[in-house]
N, C-alpha and C. Protein backbone atom coordinates (compact mmCIF):
# COMPACT_ATOMS: atom_id res chain seq x y z
N UNK A 1 -28.11 -1.15 -0.87
CA UNK A 1 -26.70 -1.02 -0.54
C UNK A 1 -26.56 -0.13 0.69
N UNK A 2 -25.82 -0.61 1.67
CA UNK A 2 -25.59 0.19 2.88
C UNK A 2 -24.09 0.35 3.09
N UNK A 3 -23.72 1.42 3.78
CA UNK A 3 -22.31 1.64 4.06
C UNK A 3 -22.12 2.10 5.49
N UNK A 4 -21.00 1.69 6.05
CA UNK A 4 -20.66 2.01 7.42
C UNK A 4 -19.26 2.63 7.42
N UNK A 5 -19.05 3.68 8.19
CA UNK A 5 -17.74 4.30 8.29
C UNK A 5 -16.86 3.44 9.20
N UNK A 6 -15.76 2.94 8.65
CA UNK A 6 -14.81 2.17 9.45
C UNK A 6 -13.77 3.09 10.09
N UNK A 7 -13.29 4.07 9.32
CA UNK A 7 -12.28 5.00 9.81
C UNK A 7 -12.61 6.42 9.37
N UNK A 8 -12.50 7.35 10.30
CA UNK A 8 -12.67 8.77 9.99
C UNK A 8 -11.31 9.34 9.57
N UNK A 9 -11.29 10.59 9.15
CA UNK A 9 -10.05 11.25 8.76
C UNK A 9 -9.06 11.28 9.93
N UNK A 10 -9.57 11.57 11.13
CA UNK A 10 -8.70 11.63 12.31
C UNK A 10 -8.11 10.25 12.62
N UNK A 11 -8.92 9.20 12.51
CA UNK A 11 -8.43 7.85 12.78
C UNK A 11 -7.39 7.42 11.74
N UNK A 12 -7.61 7.79 10.48
CA UNK A 12 -6.63 7.48 9.43
C UNK A 12 -5.30 8.17 9.76
N UNK A 13 -5.35 9.42 10.17
CA UNK A 13 -4.15 10.17 10.51
C UNK A 13 -3.40 9.53 11.68
N UNK A 14 -4.13 9.12 12.70
CA UNK A 14 -3.52 8.45 13.86
C UNK A 14 -2.84 7.15 13.43
N UNK A 15 -3.53 6.37 12.60
CA UNK A 15 -2.98 5.10 12.12
C UNK A 15 -1.72 5.34 11.30
N UNK A 16 -1.73 6.35 10.43
CA UNK A 16 -0.55 6.64 9.60
C UNK A 16 0.64 7.04 10.46
N UNK A 17 0.40 7.81 11.52
CA UNK A 17 1.48 8.18 12.43
C UNK A 17 2.02 6.95 13.16
N UNK A 18 1.15 6.05 13.57
CA UNK A 18 1.59 4.82 14.23
C UNK A 18 2.41 3.96 13.28
N UNK A 19 1.96 3.84 12.03
CA UNK A 19 2.70 3.06 11.04
C UNK A 19 4.07 3.69 10.77
N UNK A 20 4.13 5.02 10.73
CA UNK A 20 5.40 5.71 10.54
C UNK A 20 6.37 5.38 11.67
N UNK A 21 5.87 5.38 12.89
CA UNK A 21 6.71 5.04 14.06
C UNK A 21 7.20 3.60 13.98
N UNK A 22 6.35 2.69 13.53
CA UNK A 22 6.76 1.29 13.39
C UNK A 22 7.84 1.15 12.33
N UNK A 23 7.72 1.91 11.24
CA UNK A 23 8.75 1.88 10.21
C UNK A 23 10.08 2.40 10.76
N UNK A 24 10.03 3.48 11.53
CA UNK A 24 11.25 4.05 12.11
C UNK A 24 11.91 3.03 13.05
N UNK A 25 11.13 2.33 13.84
CA UNK A 25 11.67 1.31 14.74
C UNK A 25 12.48 0.26 13.99
N UNK A 26 12.03 -0.10 12.80
CA UNK A 26 12.68 -1.17 12.04
C UNK A 26 13.71 -0.69 11.02
N UNK A 27 13.65 0.60 10.63
CA UNK A 27 14.53 1.08 9.56
C UNK A 27 15.38 2.29 9.95
N UNK A 28 15.20 2.82 11.13
CA UNK A 28 15.97 3.94 11.67
C UNK A 28 16.08 5.13 10.72
N UNK A 29 17.20 5.25 9.98
CA UNK A 29 17.41 6.45 9.15
C UNK A 29 16.99 6.27 7.69
N UNK A 30 16.55 5.09 7.31
CA UNK A 30 16.05 4.77 5.96
C UNK A 30 17.14 4.86 4.88
N UNK A 31 18.40 4.84 5.27
CA UNK A 31 19.48 4.92 4.28
C UNK A 31 19.53 3.67 3.39
N UNK A 32 19.07 2.53 3.90
CA UNK A 32 19.07 1.28 3.12
C UNK A 32 17.66 0.82 2.79
N UNK A 33 16.67 1.71 2.98
CA UNK A 33 15.27 1.35 2.80
C UNK A 33 14.61 2.27 1.77
N UNK A 34 13.73 1.71 0.96
CA UNK A 34 12.93 2.50 0.02
C UNK A 34 11.46 2.19 0.24
N UNK A 35 10.62 3.20 0.13
CA UNK A 35 9.17 3.02 0.20
C UNK A 35 8.64 2.92 -1.21
N UNK A 36 7.76 1.94 -1.45
CA UNK A 36 7.25 1.71 -2.80
C UNK A 36 5.72 1.66 -2.77
N UNK A 37 5.08 2.72 -3.24
CA UNK A 37 3.63 2.75 -3.33
C UNK A 37 3.16 1.91 -4.51
N UNK A 38 2.22 1.00 -4.26
CA UNK A 38 1.67 0.15 -5.32
C UNK A 38 0.58 0.95 -6.02
N UNK A 39 0.75 1.16 -7.33
CA UNK A 39 -0.22 1.91 -8.11
C UNK A 39 -1.54 1.15 -8.21
N UNK A 40 -2.67 1.80 -8.22
CA UNK A 40 -2.83 3.24 -8.10
C UNK A 40 -3.05 3.73 -6.66
N UNK A 41 -3.73 2.96 -5.82
CA UNK A 41 -4.23 3.49 -4.54
C UNK A 41 -3.19 3.49 -3.43
N UNK A 42 -2.18 2.64 -3.53
CA UNK A 42 -1.14 2.61 -2.51
C UNK A 42 -0.27 3.85 -2.51
N UNK A 43 -0.29 4.57 -3.61
CA UNK A 43 0.51 5.79 -3.74
C UNK A 43 0.06 6.84 -2.70
N UNK A 44 -1.25 6.92 -2.45
CA UNK A 44 -1.75 7.91 -1.49
C UNK A 44 -1.24 7.60 -0.08
N UNK A 45 -1.24 6.33 0.29
CA UNK A 45 -0.74 5.92 1.61
C UNK A 45 0.76 6.21 1.69
N UNK A 46 1.50 5.85 0.64
CA UNK A 46 2.95 6.04 0.61
C UNK A 46 3.32 7.52 0.71
N UNK A 47 2.61 8.36 -0.03
CA UNK A 47 2.90 9.80 0.01
C UNK A 47 2.62 10.39 1.38
N UNK A 48 1.53 9.97 1.99
CA UNK A 48 1.21 10.46 3.34
C UNK A 48 2.27 10.02 4.34
N UNK A 49 2.67 8.75 4.27
CA UNK A 49 3.70 8.25 5.19
C UNK A 49 5.03 8.97 4.99
N UNK A 50 5.41 9.19 3.73
CA UNK A 50 6.66 9.89 3.44
C UNK A 50 6.62 11.31 4.03
N UNK A 51 5.50 11.97 3.88
CA UNK A 51 5.36 13.33 4.42
C UNK A 51 5.48 13.33 5.95
N UNK A 52 4.84 12.37 6.60
CA UNK A 52 4.92 12.27 8.06
C UNK A 52 6.36 12.00 8.49
N UNK A 53 7.02 11.06 7.82
CA UNK A 53 8.39 10.71 8.18
C UNK A 53 9.34 11.90 8.00
N UNK A 54 9.16 12.66 6.95
CA UNK A 54 10.04 13.79 6.68
C UNK A 54 9.74 14.99 7.58
N UNK A 55 8.47 15.31 7.74
CA UNK A 55 8.10 16.53 8.48
C UNK A 55 8.06 16.34 10.00
N UNK A 56 7.61 15.19 10.47
CA UNK A 56 7.45 14.99 11.91
C UNK A 56 8.64 14.28 12.56
N UNK A 57 9.37 13.49 11.77
CA UNK A 57 10.45 12.68 12.33
C UNK A 57 11.79 12.97 11.70
N UNK A 58 11.85 14.00 10.85
CA UNK A 58 13.10 14.52 10.31
C UNK A 58 13.93 13.46 9.57
N UNK A 59 13.26 12.58 8.83
CA UNK A 59 13.95 11.58 8.02
C UNK A 59 14.33 12.26 6.70
N UNK A 60 15.62 12.42 6.46
CA UNK A 60 16.10 13.17 5.29
C UNK A 60 16.38 12.29 4.08
N UNK A 61 16.84 11.07 4.30
CA UNK A 61 17.30 10.23 3.20
C UNK A 61 16.22 9.31 2.65
N UNK A 62 14.97 9.74 2.70
CA UNK A 62 13.85 8.90 2.30
C UNK A 62 13.72 8.82 0.79
N UNK A 63 13.59 7.60 0.29
CA UNK A 63 13.37 7.38 -1.14
C UNK A 63 11.96 6.80 -1.31
N UNK A 64 11.18 7.43 -2.20
CA UNK A 64 9.80 7.03 -2.45
C UNK A 64 9.61 6.76 -3.93
N UNK A 65 9.07 5.58 -4.24
CA UNK A 65 8.79 5.23 -5.62
C UNK A 65 7.37 4.74 -5.79
N UNK A 66 6.95 4.65 -7.05
CA UNK A 66 5.62 4.15 -7.39
C UNK A 66 5.80 2.98 -8.36
N UNK A 67 5.14 1.87 -8.07
CA UNK A 67 5.28 0.67 -8.89
C UNK A 67 3.95 0.32 -9.53
N UNK A 68 3.93 0.30 -10.87
CA UNK A 68 2.74 -0.13 -11.60
C UNK A 68 2.81 -1.64 -11.82
N UNK A 69 1.75 -2.33 -11.45
CA UNK A 69 1.73 -3.80 -11.54
C UNK A 69 0.77 -4.30 -12.62
N UNK A 70 0.21 -3.40 -13.41
CA UNK A 70 -0.85 -3.74 -14.36
C UNK A 70 -0.51 -4.95 -15.22
N UNK A 71 0.67 -4.95 -15.84
CA UNK A 71 1.02 -6.00 -16.79
C UNK A 71 1.57 -7.25 -16.12
N UNK A 72 1.63 -7.24 -14.79
CA UNK A 72 2.10 -8.39 -14.04
C UNK A 72 0.95 -9.11 -13.33
N UNK A 73 -0.26 -8.57 -13.46
CA UNK A 73 -1.42 -9.16 -12.79
C UNK A 73 -1.86 -10.44 -13.49
N UNK A 74 -2.39 -11.40 -12.71
CA UNK A 74 -2.84 -12.65 -13.32
C UNK A 74 -4.19 -12.49 -14.01
N UNK A 75 -4.86 -11.37 -13.82
CA UNK A 75 -6.13 -11.10 -14.50
C UNK A 75 -5.98 -10.05 -15.60
N UNK A 76 -4.75 -9.84 -16.06
CA UNK A 76 -4.46 -8.79 -17.03
C UNK A 76 -5.30 -8.92 -18.30
N UNK A 77 -5.46 -10.10 -18.83
CA UNK A 77 -6.21 -10.28 -20.08
C UNK A 77 -7.60 -10.84 -19.85
N UNK A 78 -8.09 -10.76 -18.64
CA UNK A 78 -9.44 -11.25 -18.33
C UNK A 78 -10.40 -10.07 -18.20
N UNK A 79 -11.68 -10.37 -18.25
CA UNK A 79 -12.68 -9.33 -18.03
C UNK A 79 -13.04 -8.62 -19.32
N UNK A 80 -14.09 -7.82 -19.23
CA UNK A 80 -14.62 -7.14 -20.40
C UNK A 80 -13.84 -5.93 -20.85
N UNK A 81 -13.36 -5.15 -19.89
CA UNK A 81 -12.65 -3.93 -20.29
C UNK A 81 -11.15 -4.09 -20.05
N UNK A 82 -10.36 -3.48 -20.93
CA UNK A 82 -8.90 -3.58 -20.74
C UNK A 82 -8.46 -2.77 -19.52
N UNK A 83 -7.46 -3.28 -18.83
CA UNK A 83 -6.92 -2.56 -17.68
C UNK A 83 -6.11 -1.37 -18.16
N UNK A 84 -6.15 -0.30 -17.40
CA UNK A 84 -5.42 0.91 -17.74
C UNK A 84 -4.16 1.00 -16.89
N UNK A 85 -3.02 1.12 -17.56
CA UNK A 85 -1.74 1.15 -16.85
C UNK A 85 -1.54 2.49 -16.16
N UNK A 86 -0.79 2.46 -15.07
CA UNK A 86 -0.38 3.66 -14.35
C UNK A 86 1.11 3.86 -14.58
N UNK A 87 1.65 4.87 -13.96
CA UNK A 87 3.05 5.20 -14.18
C UNK A 87 3.93 4.61 -13.07
N UNK A 88 5.00 3.97 -13.49
CA UNK A 88 6.03 3.53 -12.54
C UNK A 88 7.04 4.65 -12.43
N UNK A 89 7.39 5.00 -11.20
CA UNK A 89 8.40 6.04 -10.96
C UNK A 89 9.37 5.50 -9.91
N UNK A 90 10.51 5.04 -10.39
CA UNK A 90 11.56 4.54 -9.50
C UNK A 90 12.86 5.17 -9.99
N UNK A 91 13.32 6.21 -9.32
CA UNK A 91 14.53 6.91 -9.75
C UNK A 91 15.70 6.65 -8.79
N UNK A 92 15.77 5.41 -8.33
CA UNK A 92 16.85 4.96 -7.44
C UNK A 92 17.01 3.46 -7.64
N UNK A 93 18.09 2.92 -7.13
CA UNK A 93 18.33 1.48 -7.24
C UNK A 93 17.62 0.74 -6.12
N UNK A 94 17.05 -0.40 -6.45
CA UNK A 94 16.46 -1.26 -5.43
C UNK A 94 17.38 -2.44 -5.10
N UNK A 95 18.43 -2.59 -5.87
CA UNK A 95 19.39 -3.67 -5.65
C UNK A 95 19.95 -3.59 -4.23
N UNK A 96 19.82 -4.68 -3.48
CA UNK A 96 20.32 -4.79 -2.10
C UNK A 96 19.69 -3.80 -1.13
N UNK A 97 18.54 -3.25 -1.45
CA UNK A 97 17.82 -2.35 -0.54
C UNK A 97 16.69 -3.11 0.14
N UNK A 98 16.25 -2.57 1.25
CA UNK A 98 15.04 -3.07 1.90
C UNK A 98 13.89 -2.30 1.28
N UNK A 99 12.97 -3.01 0.65
CA UNK A 99 11.82 -2.39 -0.03
C UNK A 99 10.58 -2.61 0.83
N UNK A 100 9.85 -1.53 1.08
CA UNK A 100 8.58 -1.63 1.79
C UNK A 100 7.47 -1.34 0.79
N UNK A 101 6.75 -2.39 0.39
CA UNK A 101 5.57 -2.22 -0.46
C UNK A 101 4.47 -1.58 0.38
N UNK A 102 3.77 -0.62 -0.20
CA UNK A 102 2.70 0.07 0.52
C UNK A 102 1.44 0.05 -0.34
N UNK A 103 0.34 -0.43 0.25
CA UNK A 103 -0.94 -0.45 -0.46
C UNK A 103 -2.05 -0.07 0.50
N UNK A 104 -3.21 0.27 -0.05
CA UNK A 104 -4.30 0.71 0.83
C UNK A 104 -5.06 -0.46 1.43
N UNK A 105 -5.40 -1.47 0.61
CA UNK A 105 -6.17 -2.62 1.12
C UNK A 105 -5.50 -3.91 0.66
N UNK A 106 -5.25 -4.80 1.59
CA UNK A 106 -4.78 -6.15 1.27
C UNK A 106 -6.01 -7.05 1.28
N UNK A 107 -6.33 -7.58 0.11
CA UNK A 107 -7.55 -8.38 -0.03
C UNK A 107 -7.14 -9.83 -0.34
N UNK A 108 -7.01 -10.17 -1.61
CA UNK A 108 -6.69 -11.56 -1.98
C UNK A 108 -5.19 -11.85 -1.94
N UNK A 109 -4.37 -10.82 -2.07
CA UNK A 109 -2.92 -10.98 -2.13
C UNK A 109 -2.38 -10.99 -3.55
N UNK A 110 -3.27 -10.96 -4.53
CA UNK A 110 -2.84 -11.03 -5.93
C UNK A 110 -2.05 -9.79 -6.37
N UNK A 111 -2.42 -8.62 -5.89
CA UNK A 111 -1.67 -7.41 -6.25
C UNK A 111 -0.25 -7.47 -5.72
N UNK A 112 -0.09 -7.99 -4.53
CA UNK A 112 1.24 -8.09 -3.94
C UNK A 112 2.07 -9.13 -4.68
N UNK A 113 1.45 -10.23 -5.08
CA UNK A 113 2.15 -11.23 -5.89
C UNK A 113 2.65 -10.58 -7.18
N UNK A 114 1.82 -9.77 -7.81
CA UNK A 114 2.22 -9.06 -9.03
C UNK A 114 3.35 -8.08 -8.75
N UNK A 115 3.30 -7.41 -7.61
CA UNK A 115 4.35 -6.45 -7.24
C UNK A 115 5.68 -7.17 -7.01
N UNK A 116 5.63 -8.36 -6.42
CA UNK A 116 6.85 -9.13 -6.20
C UNK A 116 7.52 -9.48 -7.52
N UNK A 117 6.71 -9.78 -8.53
CA UNK A 117 7.25 -10.07 -9.86
C UNK A 117 7.75 -8.80 -10.52
N UNK A 118 6.98 -7.72 -10.44
CA UNK A 118 7.33 -6.46 -11.11
C UNK A 118 8.62 -5.85 -10.58
N UNK A 119 8.85 -5.93 -9.29
CA UNK A 119 10.03 -5.28 -8.70
C UNK A 119 11.32 -5.91 -9.21
N UNK A 120 11.26 -7.17 -9.62
CA UNK A 120 12.45 -7.86 -10.12
C UNK A 120 13.02 -7.20 -11.37
N UNK A 121 12.20 -6.44 -12.09
CA UNK A 121 12.67 -5.71 -13.28
C UNK A 121 13.62 -4.58 -12.91
N UNK A 122 13.66 -4.21 -11.63
CA UNK A 122 14.46 -3.07 -11.19
C UNK A 122 15.63 -3.49 -10.31
N UNK A 123 15.86 -4.77 -10.18
CA UNK A 123 16.96 -5.27 -9.37
C UNK A 123 16.46 -6.28 -8.35
N UNK A 124 17.39 -6.76 -7.54
CA UNK A 124 17.05 -7.75 -6.53
C UNK A 124 17.15 -7.12 -5.15
N UNK A 125 16.01 -6.85 -4.53
CA UNK A 125 16.04 -6.25 -3.19
C UNK A 125 16.65 -7.20 -2.17
N UNK A 126 17.21 -6.61 -1.13
CA UNK A 126 17.76 -7.40 -0.02
C UNK A 126 16.63 -8.06 0.75
N UNK A 127 15.54 -7.32 0.91
CA UNK A 127 14.38 -7.83 1.64
C UNK A 127 13.16 -7.00 1.24
N UNK A 128 11.99 -7.61 1.34
CA UNK A 128 10.74 -6.92 1.00
C UNK A 128 9.77 -7.08 2.17
N UNK A 129 9.16 -5.95 2.56
CA UNK A 129 8.12 -5.94 3.59
C UNK A 129 6.86 -5.38 2.99
N UNK A 130 5.75 -5.60 3.68
CA UNK A 130 4.45 -5.11 3.21
C UNK A 130 3.78 -4.30 4.30
N UNK A 131 3.36 -3.09 3.92
CA UNK A 131 2.57 -2.23 4.80
C UNK A 131 1.24 -1.98 4.11
N UNK A 132 0.16 -2.16 4.85
CA UNK A 132 -1.16 -1.93 4.29
C UNK A 132 -2.03 -1.20 5.30
N UNK A 133 -2.82 -0.27 4.81
CA UNK A 133 -3.73 0.47 5.69
C UNK A 133 -4.82 -0.44 6.23
N UNK A 134 -5.43 -1.24 5.35
CA UNK A 134 -6.50 -2.16 5.72
C UNK A 134 -6.12 -3.58 5.34
N UNK A 135 -6.26 -4.50 6.28
CA UNK A 135 -6.00 -5.91 6.05
C UNK A 135 -7.30 -6.68 6.16
N UNK A 136 -7.81 -7.16 5.02
CA UNK A 136 -8.99 -8.03 5.01
C UNK A 136 -8.52 -9.46 5.18
N UNK A 137 -8.33 -9.88 6.41
CA UNK A 137 -7.59 -11.10 6.69
C UNK A 137 -8.26 -12.40 6.26
N UNK A 138 -9.56 -12.46 6.12
CA UNK A 138 -10.21 -13.72 5.77
C UNK A 138 -10.47 -13.86 4.28
N UNK A 139 -9.86 -13.04 3.46
CA UNK A 139 -10.15 -13.04 2.02
C UNK A 139 -8.97 -13.47 1.17
N UNK A 140 -7.91 -13.96 1.79
CA UNK A 140 -6.67 -14.25 1.09
C UNK A 140 -6.79 -15.45 0.18
N UNK A 141 -6.27 -15.30 -1.05
CA UNK A 141 -6.16 -16.42 -1.99
C UNK A 141 -4.72 -16.93 -2.01
N UNK A 142 -3.79 -16.11 -1.53
CA UNK A 142 -2.37 -16.45 -1.52
C UNK A 142 -1.83 -16.28 -0.10
N UNK A 143 -0.76 -16.99 0.24
CA UNK A 143 -0.21 -16.91 1.59
C UNK A 143 0.63 -15.65 1.80
N UNK A 144 -0.02 -14.50 1.78
CA UNK A 144 0.65 -13.21 1.92
C UNK A 144 0.06 -12.49 3.13
N UNK A 145 0.93 -12.01 4.01
CA UNK A 145 0.50 -11.29 5.22
C UNK A 145 1.28 -9.99 5.33
N UNK A 146 0.66 -8.93 5.85
CA UNK A 146 1.40 -7.67 6.00
C UNK A 146 2.34 -7.70 7.20
N UNK A 147 3.45 -6.98 7.06
CA UNK A 147 4.37 -6.78 8.18
C UNK A 147 3.88 -5.64 9.06
N UNK A 148 3.20 -4.67 8.43
CA UNK A 148 2.63 -3.51 9.13
C UNK A 148 1.19 -3.37 8.66
N UNK A 149 0.27 -3.29 9.59
CA UNK A 149 -1.14 -3.13 9.20
C UNK A 149 -1.74 -2.01 10.03
N UNK A 150 -2.56 -1.20 9.36
CA UNK A 150 -3.25 -0.13 10.05
C UNK A 150 -4.44 -0.64 10.83
N UNK A 151 -5.34 -1.32 10.15
CA UNK A 151 -6.55 -1.86 10.77
C UNK A 151 -6.88 -3.17 10.12
N UNK A 152 -7.25 -4.13 10.93
CA UNK A 152 -7.68 -5.43 10.43
C UNK A 152 -9.21 -5.41 10.34
N UNK A 153 -9.72 -5.83 9.20
CA UNK A 153 -11.16 -5.81 8.97
C UNK A 153 -11.61 -7.21 8.59
N UNK A 154 -12.62 -7.68 9.29
CA UNK A 154 -13.22 -8.98 8.97
C UNK A 154 -14.47 -8.75 8.13
N UNK A 155 -14.26 -8.63 6.82
CA UNK A 155 -15.36 -8.39 5.90
C UNK A 155 -15.62 -9.67 5.11
N UNK A 156 -16.88 -9.97 4.90
CA UNK A 156 -17.21 -11.13 4.08
C UNK A 156 -17.09 -10.73 2.61
N UNK A 157 -17.05 -11.71 1.72
CA UNK A 157 -16.75 -11.44 0.32
C UNK A 157 -17.74 -10.50 -0.37
N UNK A 158 -18.98 -10.45 0.06
CA UNK A 158 -19.95 -9.56 -0.57
C UNK A 158 -19.76 -8.11 -0.13
N UNK A 159 -18.97 -7.90 0.90
CA UNK A 159 -18.72 -6.55 1.39
C UNK A 159 -17.45 -5.99 0.75
N UNK A 160 -17.46 -4.68 0.52
CA UNK A 160 -16.32 -4.01 -0.09
C UNK A 160 -15.77 -3.00 0.89
N UNK A 161 -14.44 -2.93 0.98
CA UNK A 161 -13.79 -1.89 1.78
C UNK A 161 -13.35 -0.82 0.80
N UNK A 162 -13.85 0.39 0.99
CA UNK A 162 -13.55 1.50 0.08
C UNK A 162 -12.78 2.56 0.86
N UNK A 163 -11.55 2.83 0.42
CA UNK A 163 -10.73 3.86 1.03
C UNK A 163 -10.85 5.12 0.19
N UNK A 164 -11.27 6.20 0.83
CA UNK A 164 -11.44 7.49 0.15
C UNK A 164 -10.27 8.40 0.57
N UNK A 165 -9.70 9.09 -0.40
CA UNK A 165 -8.59 10.01 -0.13
C UNK A 165 -8.97 11.43 -0.53
N UNK A 166 -8.60 12.37 0.30
CA UNK A 166 -8.90 13.78 0.06
C UNK A 166 -8.41 14.20 -1.32
N UNK A 167 -7.23 13.72 -1.73
CA UNK A 167 -6.65 14.10 -3.01
C UNK A 167 -7.48 13.59 -4.19
N UNK A 168 -8.18 12.49 -4.02
CA UNK A 168 -8.91 11.86 -5.12
C UNK A 168 -10.42 12.06 -5.00
N UNK A 169 -10.99 11.77 -3.83
CA UNK A 169 -12.44 11.82 -3.66
C UNK A 169 -12.92 12.98 -2.81
N UNK A 170 -12.01 13.79 -2.29
CA UNK A 170 -12.40 14.97 -1.53
C UNK A 170 -12.55 14.76 -0.03
N UNK A 171 -12.36 13.53 0.46
CA UNK A 171 -12.44 13.26 1.89
C UNK A 171 -11.58 12.06 2.25
N UNK A 172 -11.11 12.05 3.48
CA UNK A 172 -10.38 10.90 4.00
C UNK A 172 -11.35 10.09 4.85
N UNK A 173 -11.70 8.89 4.36
CA UNK A 173 -12.58 7.99 5.10
C UNK A 173 -12.40 6.59 4.57
N UNK A 174 -12.73 5.63 5.41
CA UNK A 174 -12.77 4.24 4.98
C UNK A 174 -14.17 3.73 5.27
N UNK A 175 -14.81 3.18 4.24
CA UNK A 175 -16.17 2.67 4.34
C UNK A 175 -16.17 1.16 4.17
N UNK A 176 -17.11 0.50 4.85
CA UNK A 176 -17.45 -0.89 4.59
C UNK A 176 -18.80 -0.84 3.89
N UNK A 177 -18.83 -1.30 2.65
CA UNK A 177 -20.03 -1.21 1.83
C UNK A 177 -20.60 -2.61 1.64
N UNK A 178 -21.87 -2.75 2.00
CA UNK A 178 -22.58 -4.02 1.85
C UNK A 178 -23.43 -3.92 0.59
N UNK A 179 -23.10 -4.73 -0.41
CA UNK A 179 -23.80 -4.64 -1.70
C UNK A 179 -25.02 -5.51 -1.74
């Protein structure tokens, strides 16, 4: 097994700032927009973006939620071990809001399909966009594309993209792992 560093901590920070600027261009004051981190790993990206938007760009009306998609996944009852649910935290209305789904890696598109179903339990958004740190563009099983992407990675199916977060693994890095 070999691994290659795709993004360093500094590169991740630069990408997050660029993504924050792109969000501002399209949503201005965020009064009609909510950020939704897809549990579990999209929460780290969403929290970082929210912090950048609030501290560096003075966005005051930012709403951040976490969406658990465990029971909406098409592989929920498959596999040897049961999936472990995460916590959904949405303390605002999504009805008629612009929702930005945020995840760390877009791979097959199945997680986003599950998120599209799950969000309907909380109302009908006006529009939904997708922001992803890493887009594995040649691995899609569903016709889902990000509106905002940090880095596009052309990884073959035997390769894994692993995003490491300081809060969870002690470092900010993105690796391409060849198994």
